Protein backbone atom coordinates (compact mmCIF):
# COMPACT_ATOMS: atom_id res chain seq x y z
CA UNK A 1 -33.00 -22.22 26.31
CA UNK A 2 -30.11 -20.53 24.50
CA UNK A 3 -26.63 -21.81 25.14
CA UNK A 4 -24.28 -19.65 27.20
CA UNK A 5 -21.93 -17.37 25.26
CA UNK A 6 -18.53 -18.98 24.88
CA UNK A 7 -19.84 -22.43 25.84
CA UNK A 8 -18.46 -24.87 23.28
CA UNK A 9 -20.57 -27.88 22.42
CA UNK A 10 -17.57 -29.65 20.89
CA UNK A 11 -13.95 -29.70 21.94
CA UNK A 12 -11.28 -30.66 19.44
CA UNK A 13 -7.63 -30.59 20.42
CA UNK A 14 -5.01 -29.91 17.78
CA UNK A 15 -1.62 -29.89 19.42
CA UNK A 16 0.35 -29.73 16.14
CA UNK A 17 1.68 -26.21 16.85
CA UNK A 18 2.83 -27.24 20.35
CA UNK A 19 4.44 -30.37 18.87
CA UNK A 20 6.19 -28.37 16.14
CA UNK A 21 7.37 -25.45 18.27
CA UNK A 22 7.85 -27.09 21.67
CA UNK A 23 8.30 -30.78 20.94
CA UNK A 24 5.13 -31.52 22.94
CA UNK A 25 3.40 -34.89 22.79
CA UNK A 26 0.60 -36.13 25.04
CA UNK A 27 1.78 -38.48 27.78
CA UNK A 28 -1.13 -40.88 27.13
CA UNK A 29 -3.67 -41.55 24.44
CA UNK A 30 -7.34 -40.75 24.97
CA UNK A 31 -8.32 -44.28 26.03
CA UNK A 32 -5.57 -44.50 28.65
CA UNK A 33 -6.36 -41.00 29.91
CA UNK A 34 -10.06 -41.77 30.29
CA UNK A 35 -9.26 -45.05 32.05
CA UNK A 36 -6.92 -43.38 34.55
CA UNK A 37 -9.47 -40.62 35.19
CA UNK A 38 -12.24 -43.15 35.80
CA UNK A 39 -9.98 -45.21 38.07
CA UNK A 40 -9.18 -42.09 40.12
CA UNK A 41 -12.85 -41.20 40.60
CA UNK A 42 -13.70 -44.79 41.57
CA UNK A 43 -10.87 -44.79 44.12
CA UNK A 44 -11.77 -41.37 45.60
CA UNK A 45 -15.54 -41.20 46.24
CA UNK A 46 -14.96 -39.07 49.36
CA UNK A 47 -13.82 -36.27 47.04
CA UNK A 48 -16.74 -36.25 44.60
CA UNK A 49 -19.75 -37.58 46.53
CA UNK A 50 -20.25 -34.32 48.50
CA UNK A 51 -20.58 -32.54 45.16
CA UNK A 52 -23.84 -34.39 44.55
CA UNK A 53 -25.64 -32.63 47.43
CA UNK A 54 -28.60 -30.25 47.24
CA UNK A 55 -26.48 -27.18 46.46
CA UNK A 56 -25.14 -28.84 43.32
CA UNK A 57 -28.60 -30.06 42.32
CA UNK A 58 -29.87 -26.48 42.60
CA UNK A 59 -26.92 -25.19 40.56
CA UNK A 60 -27.71 -27.71 37.83
CA UNK A 61 -31.36 -26.69 37.78
CA UNK A 62 -30.44 -23.02 37.59
CA UNK A 63 -27.76 -23.34 34.90
CA UNK A 64 -28.96 -26.23 32.75
CA UNK A 65 -32.73 -26.01 32.88
CA UNK A 66 -34.13 -26.65 29.42
C-alpha cells in the first residue's frame, strides 16, 4: 500500500530559527517529555480506553491496512 500524501515517516524538529528570532527553548528535554506524557496516559485511562473500541479498530483497518 502506498503511503498517504503528506504523511511523514520521520519527524525532525529544528527549533534554531525560533530560538534565534524568538528566544524559544523547549521547556523539557525529550526524555522528560516522554516520561510526563506516559505518566499522564497511565493516570487517565478513562480518557483513552474508549478510543480502543470497534470504531477505532475499523478506522485502523481502513487507513493502515497493508
